[in-house]
Amino acid sequence: MVDGTRVGTLCIMDAKPREFGVDELALLGDLARWAERELGEAMDRGRTRMALDGLAPEPVEVLGHSLDVLAAQHDAGGGDVADWRVAPDGALHVTVGRVTAAGPASGLLAAAVHGAVVARTGTAMQDAIGGLEAQITADLSAADAVGSLFHLRLDPTTGHADFGDAGHGLAVLVRADGTGRTLHSLDLPLGLQPPSIPRSPGVLELGPGDRLVVCTQGVLTLDGLRHLDDLADLVRSTSDGAAVVERVRALMPEGVGVGVGVDVTLVVLTRR
């Protein structure tokens, strides 16, 4: 391997003795380097897959609310970020984002962003994204990567939520009466917001029957879901968040999350 570790031998066998010339030895060396490269890439994919598998958060119970989720990442190193957990004070934190970089760097950087998110479970909304940004901007810049993030903090007792959107723009609120609105933000992606311009968190109030839907771009590559308006229409036509997730899952091509180069992340938060 690159570090000098010997993991095997490449050999060619025949029924009678032969002697290799210079050209044959050069070809054998090329084959050995090809095998080494393929093995190294397979090991990298395996390490990335292990990191991604460790990112999947457990389901959570939220007082007076339902949280239905779908998260599928491909083996080559998906860059979706997804996290949901209940903070020590009882607030629900939901984070959905995306890191775009070359090769498996997306998955590894997504793991770094996820770790930074988890470390700030108890952090107030006005400080959460800024602190996370300070932690991971250098890594994103070094990898020439771009990261976007939607982060929400919900008080389950009241339905009040504070949220921040760092260049993500893929969240839609569908009210119980069928009306809806996209949660727009003018904030730039992670690492691109000038220090002189503070981030602008938003607020919303979830009433009974209201559903907040957050996704990554992979959802909007599926048949029939090319825009957030299409996703909002799907929400209106379903009975609950679990049905939304199953409808989206049914649109996924066979193999998404297992070798197919697309990530699909969807979170549906419903106030009962």
C-alpha atoms as a PDB file:
ATOM      1  CA  MET A   1       0.000   0.000   0.000  1.00  0.00           C
ATOM      2  CA  VAL A   2       1.008   3.678  -0.101  1.00  0.00           C
ATOM      3  CA  ASP A   3       2.394   3.453   3.439  1.00  0.00           C
ATOM      4  CA  GLY A   4       4.543   0.415   2.532  1.00  0.00           C
ATOM      5  CA  THR A   5       2.252  -2.212   4.068  1.00  0.00           C
ATOM      6  CA  ARG A   6       2.301  -5.470   2.094  1.00  0.00           C
ATOM      7  CA  VAL A   7      -1.177  -6.935   1.701  1.00  0.00           C
ATOM      8  CA  GLY A   8      -0.677  -9.530  -1.045  1.00  0.00           C
ATOM      9  CA  THR A   9       1.225 -10.722  -4.109  1.00  0.00           C
ATOM     10  CA  LEU A  10       0.351 -10.321  -7.777  1.00  0.00           C
ATOM     11  CA  CYS A  11       1.528 -13.300  -9.823  1.00  0.00           C
ATOM     12  CA  ILE A  12       0.987 -14.873 -13.241  1.00  0.00           C
ATOM     13  CA  MET A  13       1.086 -18.651 -13.743  1.00  0.00           C
ATOM     14  CA  ASP A  14       1.568 -20.801 -16.807  1.00  0.00           C
ATOM     15  CA  ALA A  15       2.007 -24.526 -17.573  1.00  0.00           C
ATOM     16  CA  LYS A  16       5.649 -24.062 -18.607  1.00  0.00           C
ATOM     17  CA  PRO A  17       8.564 -21.889 -17.421  1.00  0.00           C
ATOM     18  CA  ARG A  18       8.941 -18.451 -18.996  1.00  0.00           C
ATOM     19  CA  GLU A  19      11.271 -15.485 -18.626  1.00  0.00           C
ATOM     20  CA  PHE A  20       9.924 -11.946 -18.545  1.00  0.00           C
ATOM     21  CA  GLY A  21      11.484  -9.254 -20.656  1.00  0.00           C
ATOM     22  CA  VAL A  22      11.631  -5.564 -19.752  1.00  0.00           C
ATOM     23  CA  ASP A  23       8.244  -4.793 -21.311  1.00  0.00           C
ATOM     24  CA  GLU A  24       6.522  -7.721 -19.555  1.00  0.00           C
ATOM     25  CA  LEU A  25       7.972  -6.711 -16.189  1.00  0.00           C
ATOM     26  CA  ALA A  26       6.809  -3.123 -16.749  1.00  0.00           C
ATOM     27  CA  LEU A  27       3.297  -4.382 -17.571  1.00  0.00           C
ATOM     28  CA  LEU A  28       3.268  -6.532 -14.442  1.00  0.00           C
ATOM     29  CA  GLY A  29       4.280  -3.486 -12.405  1.00  0.00           C
ATOM     30  CA  ASP A  30       1.441  -1.481 -13.945  1.00  0.00           C
ATOM     31  CA  LEU A  31      -1.020  -4.235 -13.030  1.00  0.00           C
ATOM     32  CA  ALA A  32       0.301  -4.293  -9.468  1.00  0.00           C
ATOM     33  CA  ARG A  33      -0.124  -0.518  -9.112  1.00  0.00           C
ATOM     34  CA  TRP A  34      -3.656  -0.755 -10.539  1.00  0.00           C
ATOM     35  CA  ALA A  35      -4.554  -3.462  -7.993  1.00  0.00           C
ATOM     36  CA  GLU A  36      -3.038  -1.360  -5.195  1.00  0.00           C
ATOM     37  CA  ARG A  37      -5.040   1.684  -6.222  1.00  0.00           C
ATOM     38  CA  GLU A  38      -8.308  -0.247  -6.449  1.00  0.00           C
ATOM     39  CA  LEU A  39      -7.725  -1.846  -3.057  1.00  0.00           C
ATOM     40  CA  GLY A  40      -6.903   1.514  -1.512  1.00  0.00           C
ATOM     41  CA  GLU A  41     -10.059   3.090  -2.901  1.00  0.00           C
ATOM     42  CA  ALA A  42     -12.129   0.178  -1.599  1.00  0.00           C
ATOM     43  CA  MET A  43     -10.622   0.656   1.861  1.00  0.00           C
ATOM     44  CA  ASP A  44     -11.369   4.385   1.718  1.00  0.00           C
ATOM     45  CA  ARG A  45     -14.970   3.652   0.763  1.00  0.00           C
ATOM     46  CA  GLY A  46     -15.222   1.184   3.636  1.00  0.00           C
ATOM     47  CA  ARG A  47     -13.924   3.717   6.153  1.00  0.00           C
ATOM     48  CA  THR A  48     -16.309   6.341   4.794  1.00  0.00           C
ATOM     49  CA  ARG A  49     -19.225   3.896   4.981  1.00  0.00           C
ATOM     50  CA  MET A  50     -18.404   3.135   8.619  1.00  0.00           C
ATOM     51  CA  ALA A  51     -18.297   6.842   9.395  1.00  0.00           C
ATOM     52  CA  LEU A  52     -21.635   7.436   7.653  1.00  0.00           C
ATOM     53  CA  ASP A  53     -23.291   4.506   9.413  1.00  0.00           C
ATOM     54  CA  GLY A  54     -22.206   5.974  12.722  1.00  0.00           C
ATOM     55  CA  LEU A  55     -23.942   9.259  11.905  1.00  0.00           C
ATOM     56  CA  ALA A  56     -27.485   7.877  11.762  1.00  0.00           C
ATOM     57  CA  PRO A  57     -29.245   9.197  14.876  1.00  0.00           C
ATOM     58  CA  GLU A  58     -31.725   7.100  16.802  1.00  0.00           C
ATOM     59  CA  PRO A  59     -35.475   7.883  16.607  1.00  0.00           C
ATOM     60  CA  VAL A  60     -36.675  10.306  19.263  1.00  0.00           C
ATOM     61  CA  GLU A  61     -39.974  10.836  21.045  1.00  0.00           C
ATOM     62  CA  VAL A  62     -41.120  14.466  21.198  1.00  0.00           C
ATOM     63  CA  LEU A  63     -43.910  15.665  23.456  1.00  0.00           C
ATOM     64  CA  GLY A  64     -46.993  16.492  21.379  1.00  0.00           C
ATOM     65  CA  HIS A  65     -45.170  16.044  18.074  1.00  0.00           C
ATOM     66  CA  SER A  66     -44.279  13.369  15.533  1.00  0.00           C
ATOM     67  CA  LEU A  67     -40.874  13.256  13.861  1.00  0.00           C
ATOM     68  CA  ASP A  68     -40.697  11.083  10.736  1.00  0.00           C
ATOM     69  CA  VAL A  69     -37.412  10.773   8.874  1.00  0.00           C
ATOM     70  CA  LEU A  70     -35.753   9.202   5.860  1.00  0.00           C
ATOM     71  CA  ALA A  71     -31.967   9.198   5.463  1.00  0.00           C
ATOM     72  CA  ALA A  72     -30.165   7.233   2.720  1.00  0.00           C
ATOM     73  CA  GLN A  73     -26.549   7.881   1.771  1.00  0.00           C
ATOM     74  CA  HIS A  74     -24.605   6.166  -0.981  1.00  0.00           C
ATOM     75  CA  ASP A  75     -21.561   4.026  -0.326  1.00  0.00           C
ATOM     76  CA  ALA A  76     -19.144   6.237  -2.232  1.00  0.00           C
ATOM     77  CA  GLY A  77     -19.318   8.851   0.490  1.00  0.00           C
ATOM     78  CA  GLY A  78     -22.495  10.884   0.628  1.00  0.00           C
ATOM     79  CA  GLY A  79     -22.378  14.438   1.898  1.00  0.00           C
ATOM     80  CA  ASP A  80     -25.792  14.794   3.552  1.00  0.00           C
ATOM     81  CA  VAL A  81     -25.896  15.896   7.191  1.00  0.00           C
ATOM     82  CA  ALA A  82     -28.862  14.794   9.304  1.00  0.00           C
ATOM     83  CA  ASP A  83     -29.347  14.947  13.045  1.00  0.00           C
ATOM     84  CA  TRP A  84     -32.249  15.078  15.473  1.00  0.00           C
ATOM     85  CA  ARG A  85     -32.024  14.867  19.234  1.00  0.00           C
ATOM     86  CA  VAL A  86     -33.632  16.177  22.403  1.00  0.00           C
ATOM     87  CA  ALA A  87     -31.493  18.631  24.370  1.00  0.00           C
ATOM     88  CA  PRO A  88     -31.135  18.437  28.166  1.00  0.00           C
ATOM     89  CA  ASP A  89     -33.738  21.204  28.535  1.00  0.00           C
ATOM     90  CA  GLY A  90     -36.293  19.170  26.529  1.00  0.00           C
ATOM     91  CA  ALA A  91     -36.005  21.181  23.311  1.00  0.00           C
ATOM     92  CA  LEU A  92     -35.893  19.289  20.024  1.00  0.00           C
ATOM     93  CA  HIS A  93     -32.945  20.046  17.750  1.00  0.00           C
ATOM     94  CA  VAL A  94     -33.241  19.142  14.055  1.00  0.00           C
ATOM     95  CA  THR A  95     -30.412  19.695  11.586  1.00  0.00           C
ATOM     96  CA  VAL A  96     -30.374  18.925   7.867  1.00  0.00           C
ATOM     97  CA  GLY A  97     -27.588  19.968   5.527  1.00  0.00           C
ATOM     98  CA  ARG A  98     -25.253  19.071   2.726  1.00  0.00           C
ATOM     99  CA  VAL A  99     -21.499  19.162   2.117  1.00  0.00           C
ATOM    100  CA  THR A 100     -20.339  19.137  -1.499  1.00  0.00           C
ATOM    101  CA  ALA A 101     -16.723  18.259  -2.247  1.00  0.00           C
ATOM    102  CA  ALA A 102     -14.711  15.998  -4.527  1.00  0.00           C
ATOM    103  CA  GLY A 103     -14.774  12.221  -3.934  1.00  0.00           C
ATOM    104  CA  PRO A 104     -15.115  10.740  -0.440  1.00  0.00           C
ATOM    105  CA  ALA A 105     -14.211  14.100   1.119  1.00  0.00           C
ATOM    106  CA  SER A 106     -17.937  14.957   1.126  1.00  0.00           C
ATOM    107  CA  GLY A 107     -18.760  12.116   3.496  1.00  0.00           C
ATOM    108  CA  LEU A 108     -15.817  12.775   5.786  1.00  0.00           C
ATOM    109  CA  LEU A 109     -16.573  16.505   5.979  1.00  0.00           C
ATOM    110  CA  ALA A 110     -20.248  15.718   6.581  1.00  0.00           C
ATOM    111  CA  ALA A 111     -19.097  13.624   9.552  1.00  0.00           C
ATOM    112  CA  ALA A 112     -17.107  16.607  10.848  1.00  0.00           C
ATOM    113  CA  VAL A 113     -20.112  18.920  10.491  1.00  0.00           C
ATOM    114  CA  HIS A 114     -22.325  16.340  12.197  1.00  0.00           C
ATOM    115  CA  GLY A 115     -19.918  16.152  15.126  1.00  0.00           C
ATOM    116  CA  ALA A 116     -19.916  19.927  15.440  1.00  0.00           C
ATOM    117  CA  VAL A 117     -23.727  19.927  15.413  1.00  0.00           C
ATOM    118  CA  VAL A 118     -23.950  17.308  18.164  1.00  0.00           C
ATOM    119  CA  ALA A 119     -21.485  19.264  20.296  1.00  0.00           C
ATOM    120  CA  ARG A 120     -23.872  22.219  20.222  1.00  0.00           C
ATOM    121  CA  THR A 121     -27.083  20.458  21.211  1.00  0.00           C
ATOM    122  CA  GLY A 122     -27.403  22.695  24.251  1.00  0.00           C
ATOM    123  CA  THR A 123     -26.344  25.901  22.478  1.00  0.00           C
ATOM    124  CA  ALA A 124     -28.788  28.756  21.943  1.00  0.00           C
ATOM    125  CA  MET A 125     -29.875  29.275  18.342  1.00  0.00           C
ATOM    126  CA  GLN A 126     -28.163  32.650  17.962  1.00  0.00           C
ATOM    127  CA  ASP A 127     -24.811  31.044  18.781  1.00  0.00           C
ATOM    128  CA  ALA A 128     -25.178  27.566  17.276  1.00  0.00           C
ATOM    129  CA  ILE A 129     -24.457  28.177  13.589  1.00  0.00           C
ATOM    130  CA  GLY A 130     -21.786  30.796  14.263  1.00  0.00           C
ATOM    131  CA  GLY A 131     -19.894  28.468  16.584  1.00  0.00           C
ATOM    132  CA  LEU A 132     -20.206  25.548  14.202  1.00  0.00           C
ATOM    133  CA  GLU A 133     -19.004  27.712  11.337  1.00  0.00           C
ATOM    134  CA  ALA A 134     -15.929  28.815  13.267  1.00  0.00           C
ATOM    135  CA  GLN A 135     -15.081  25.165  13.931  1.00  0.00           C
ATOM    136  CA  ILE A 136     -15.390  23.696  10.435  1.00  0.00           C
ATOM    137  CA  THR A 137     -14.755  26.570   7.984  1.00  0.00           C
ATOM    138  CA  ALA A 138     -11.030  25.843   7.751  1.00  0.00           C
ATOM    139  CA  ASP A 139     -11.707  22.193   6.849  1.00  0.00           C
ATOM    140  CA  LEU A 140     -14.243  23.157   4.208  1.00  0.00           C
ATOM    141  CA  SER A 141     -11.875  25.709   2.721  1.00  0.00           C
ATOM    142  CA  ALA A 142      -8.942  23.264   2.630  1.00  0.00           C
ATOM    143  CA  ALA A 143     -11.067  20.751   0.705  1.00  0.00           C
ATOM    144  CA  ASP A 144     -12.559  23.421  -1.573  1.00  0.00           C
ATOM    145  CA  ALA A 145     -15.957  22.307  -0.273  1.00  0.00           C
ATOM    146  CA  VAL A 146     -19.283  24.067   0.241  1.00  0.00           C
ATOM    147  CA  GLY A 147     -21.613  23.351   3.140  1.00  0.00           C
ATOM    148  CA  SER A 148     -25.245  24.310   3.692  1.00  0.00           C
ATOM    149  CA  LEU A 149     -27.291  23.807   6.850  1.00  0.00           C
ATOM    150  CA  PHE A 150     -30.802  24.179   8.237  1.00  0.00           C
ATOM    151  CA  HIS A 151     -30.902  24.070  12.031  1.00  0.00           C
ATOM    152  CA  LEU A 152     -34.044  24.251  14.174  1.00  0.00           C
ATOM    153  CA  ARG A 153     -34.694  24.371  17.913  1.00  0.00           C
ATOM    154  CA  LEU A 154     -38.288  23.589  18.964  1.00  0.00           C
ATOM    155  CA  ASP A 155     -39.966  24.060  22.339  1.00  0.00           C
ATOM    156  CA  PRO A 156     -42.380  21.082  22.317  1.00  0.00           C
ATOM    157  CA  THR A 157     -44.578  22.578  25.040  1.00  0.00           C
ATOM    158  CA  THR A 158     -45.510  25.622  22.961  1.00  0.00           C
ATOM    159  CA  GLY A 159     -44.700  24.779  19.331  1.00  0.00           C
ATOM    160  CA  HIS A 160     -42.361  27.777  19.159  1.00  0.00           C
ATOM    161  CA  ALA A 161     -39.282  27.198  17.030  1.00  0.00           C
ATOM    162  CA  ASP A 162     -36.171  29.207  16.282  1.00  0.00           C
ATOM    163  CA  PHE A 163     -34.282  28.282  13.137  1.00  0.00           C
ATOM    164  CA  GLY A 164     -31.262  29.256  11.122  1.00  0.00           C
ATOM    165  CA  ASP A 165     -30.587  28.586   7.453  1.00  0.00           C
ATOM    166  CA  ALA A 166     -27.033  28.787   6.148  1.00  0.00           C
ATOM    167  CA  GLY A 167     -27.595  28.662   2.405  1.00  0.00           C
ATOM    168  CA  HIS A 168     -29.765  25.528   2.507  1.00  0.00           C
ATOM    169  CA  GLY A 169     -33.169  26.842   1.439  1.00  0.00           C
ATOM    170  CA  LEU A 170     -34.995  23.502   1.411  1.00  0.00           C
ATOM    171  CA  ALA A 171     -37.603  23.828   4.155  1.00  0.00           C
ATOM    172  CA  VAL A 172     -41.336  24.298   3.717  1.00  0.00           C
ATOM    173  CA  LEU A 173     -44.083  24.787   6.303  1.00  0.00           C
ATOM    174  CA  VAL A 174     -47.505  23.315   5.481  1.00  0.00           C
ATOM    175  CA  ARG A 175     -50.271  24.499   7.777  1.00  0.00           C
ATOM    176  CA  ALA A 176     -53.182  22.346   8.890  1.00  0.00           C
ATOM    177  CA  ASP A 177     -55.495  24.345   6.571  1.00  0.00           C
ATOM    178  CA  GLY A 178     -53.349  23.464   3.545  1.00  0.00           C
ATOM    179  CA  THR A 179     -51.614  26.810   3.145  1.00  0.00           C
ATOM    180  CA  GLY A 180     -47.852  26.753   3.007  1.00  0.00           C
ATOM    181  CA  ARG A 181     -44.726  28.817   2.733  1.00  0.00           C
ATOM    182  CA  THR A 182     -41.075  28.231   2.024  1.00  0.00           C
ATOM    183  CA  LEU A 183     -38.725  29.299   4.809  1.00  0.00           C
ATOM    184  CA  HIS A 184     -36.489  31.580   2.779  1.00  0.00           C
ATOM    185  CA  SER A 185     -33.153  32.867   4.006  1.00  0.00           C
ATOM    186  CA  LEU A 186     -30.662  35.309   2.550  1.00  0.00           C
ATOM    187  CA  ASP A 187     -27.799  33.846   4.578  1.00  0.00           C
ATOM    188  CA  LEU A 188     -24.910  32.328   2.632  1.00  0.00           C
ATOM    189  CA  PRO A 189     -23.544  28.778   2.961  1.00  0.00           C
ATOM    190  CA  LEU A 190     -21.140  27.822   5.743  1.00  0.00           C
ATOM    191  CA  GLY A 191     -17.848  29.659   5.508  1.00  0.00           C
ATOM    192  CA  LEU A 192     -19.043  32.153   2.895  1.00  0.00           C
ATOM    193  CA  GLN A 193     -20.921  34.625   5.124  1.00  0.00           C
ATOM    194  CA  PRO A 194     -18.748  37.741   5.662  1.00  0.00           C
ATOM    195  CA  PRO A 195     -17.903  38.209   9.356  1.00  0.00           C
ATOM    196  CA  SER A 196     -19.311  41.729   9.169  1.00  0.00           C
ATOM    197  CA  ILE A 197     -22.786  40.381   8.325  1.00  0.00           C
ATOM    198  CA  PRO A 198     -24.424  38.514  11.236  1.00  0.00           C
ATOM    199  CA  ARG A 199     -26.581  35.497  10.531  1.00  0.00           C
ATOM    200  CA  SER A 200     -30.325  36.101  10.664  1.00  0.00           C
ATOM    201  CA  PRO A 201     -32.246  33.424  12.594  1.00  0.00           C
ATOM    202  CA  GLY A 202     -35.983  33.083  12.011  1.00  0.00           C
ATOM    203  CA  VAL A 203     -38.938  32.032  14.129  1.00  0.00           C
ATOM    204  CA  LEU A 204     -42.116  30.080  13.513  1.00  0.00           C
ATOM    205  CA  GLU A 205     -45.041  28.802  15.548  1.00  0.00           C
ATOM    206  CA  LEU A 206     -46.294  25.283  14.891  1.00  0.00           C
ATOM    207  CA  GLY A 207     -49.999  24.847  15.510  1.00  0.00           C
ATOM    208  CA  PRO A 208     -51.921  21.581  15.779  1.00  0.00           C
ATOM    209  CA  GLY A 209     -51.769  19.753  12.442  1.00  0.00           C
ATOM    210  CA  ASP A 210     -48.971  21.912  11.035  1.00  0.00           C
ATOM    211  CA  ARG A 211     -46.083  20.091   9.344  1.00  0.00           C
ATOM    212  CA  LEU A 212     -42.549  21.349   8.763  1.00  0.00           C
ATOM    213  CA  VAL A 213     -40.690  19.504   6.005  1.00  0.00           C
ATOM    214  CA  VAL A 214     -36.912  19.782   5.496  1.00  0.00           C
ATOM    215  CA  CYS A 215     -34.973  17.897   2.830  1.00  0.00           C
ATOM    216  CA  THR A 216     -31.747  17.780   0.871  1.00  0.00           C
ATOM    217  CA  GLN A 217     -31.390  18.227  -2.873  1.00  0.00           C
ATOM    218  CA  GLY A 218     -31.532  14.476  -3.471  1.00  0.00           C
ATOM    219  CA  VAL A 219     -35.265  14.482  -2.678  1.00  0.00           C
ATOM    220  CA  LEU A 220     -35.855  16.976  -5.476  1.00  0.00           C
ATOM    221  CA  THR A 221     -34.202  14.678  -8.029  1.00  0.00           C
ATOM    222  CA  LEU A 222     -36.889  12.018  -7.600  1.00  0.00           C
ATOM    223  CA  ASP A 223     -39.698  11.575 -10.135  1.00  0.00           C
ATOM    224  CA  GLY A 224     -42.485  14.053  -9.505  1.00  0.00           C
ATOM    225  CA  LEU A 225     -40.522  16.051  -6.915  1.00  0.00           C
ATOM    226  CA  ARG A 226     -38.575  18.674  -8.822  1.00  0.00           C
ATOM    227  CA  HIS A 227     -39.473  21.656  -6.632  1.00  0.00           C
ATOM    228  CA  LEU A 228     -40.426  22.384  -3.030  1.00  0.00           C
ATOM    229  CA  ASP A 229     -43.950  23.118  -4.275  1.00  0.00           C
ATOM    230  CA  ASP A 230     -44.182  19.486  -5.427  1.00  0.00           C
ATOM    231  CA  LEU A 231     -43.081  18.313  -1.987  1.00  0.00           C
ATOM    232  CA  ALA A 232     -45.635  20.593  -0.325  1.00  0.00           C
ATOM    233  CA  ASP A 233     -48.374  19.160  -2.571  1.00  0.00           C
ATOM    234  CA  LEU A 234     -47.338  15.644  -1.588  1.00  0.00           C
ATOM    235  CA  VAL A 235     -47.581  16.625   2.091  1.00  0.00           C
ATOM    236  CA  ARG A 236     -51.080  18.017   1.562  1.00  0.00           C
ATOM    237  CA  SER A 237     -52.205  14.783  -0.072  1.00  0.00           C
ATOM    238  CA  THR A 238     -51.048  12.533   2.777  1.00  0.00           C
ATOM    239  CA  SER A 239     -52.520  11.866   6.183  1.00  0.00           C
ATOM    240  CA  ASP A 240     -49.383  12.209   8.299  1.00  0.00           C
ATOM    241  CA  GLY A 241     -45.601  12.488   8.300  1.00  0.00           C
ATOM    242  CA  ALA A 242     -45.075   8.731   8.170  1.00  0.00           C
ATOM    243  CA  ALA A 243     -47.106   8.575   4.960  1.00  0.00           C
ATOM    244  CA  VAL A 244     -45.004  11.379   3.447  1.00  0.00           C
ATOM    245  CA  VAL A 245     -41.823   9.428   4.185  1.00  0.00           C
ATOM    246  CA  GLU A 246     -43.213   6.241   2.655  1.00  0.00           C
ATOM    247  CA  ARG A 247     -44.378   8.068  -0.465  1.00  0.00           C
ATOM    248  CA  VAL A 248     -40.906   9.537  -0.960  1.00  0.00           C
ATOM    249  CA  ARG A 249     -39.250   6.188  -0.214  1.00  0.00           C
ATOM    250  CA  ALA A 250     -41.376   4.596  -2.943  1.00  0.00           C
ATOM    251  CA  LEU A 251     -40.006   7.117  -5.464  1.00  0.00           C
ATOM    252  CA  MET A 252     -36.392   6.225  -4.754  1.00  0.00           C
ATOM    253  CA  PRO A 253     -34.654   4.126  -7.419  1.00  0.00           C
ATOM    254  CA  GLU A 254     -33.653   0.671  -6.275  1.00  0.00           C
ATOM    255  CA  GLY A 255     -30.218   0.804  -4.708  1.00  0.00           C
ATOM    256  CA  VAL A 256     -30.219   4.409  -3.471  1.00  0.00           C
ATOM    257  CA  GLY A 257     -28.018   4.401  -0.422  1.00  0.00           C
ATOM    258  CA  VAL A 258     -26.269   1.221  -1.582  1.00  0.00           C
ATOM    259  CA  GLY A 259     -23.889   2.198  -4.340  1.00  0.00           C
ATOM    260  CA  VAL A 260     -26.008   4.717  -6.236  1.00  0.00           C
ATOM    261  CA  GLY A 261     -24.559   8.224  -6.264  1.00  0.00           C
ATOM    262  CA  VAL A 262     -27.410  10.155  -4.666  1.00  0.00           C
ATOM    263  CA  ASP A 263     -28.270  10.952  -1.064  1.00  0.00           C
ATOM    264  CA  VAL A 264     -31.859  11.354   0.093  1.00  0.00           C
ATOM    265  CA  THR A 265     -32.656  13.015   3.415  1.00  0.00           C
ATOM    266  CA  LEU A 266     -36.164  14.028   4.511  1.00  0.00           C
ATOM    267  CA  VAL A 267     -37.483  15.177   7.884  1.00  0.00           C
ATOM    268  CA  VAL A 268     -41.183  15.755   8.606  1.00  0.00           C
ATOM    269  CA  LEU A 269     -42.017  17.398  11.938  1.00  0.00           C
ATOM    270  CA  THR A 270     -45.735  17.436  12.809  1.00  0.00           C
ATOM    271  CA  ARG A 271     -47.448  19.049  15.758  1.00  0.00           C
ATOM    272  CA  ARG A 272     -50.276  16.797  16.810  1.00  0.00           C
END
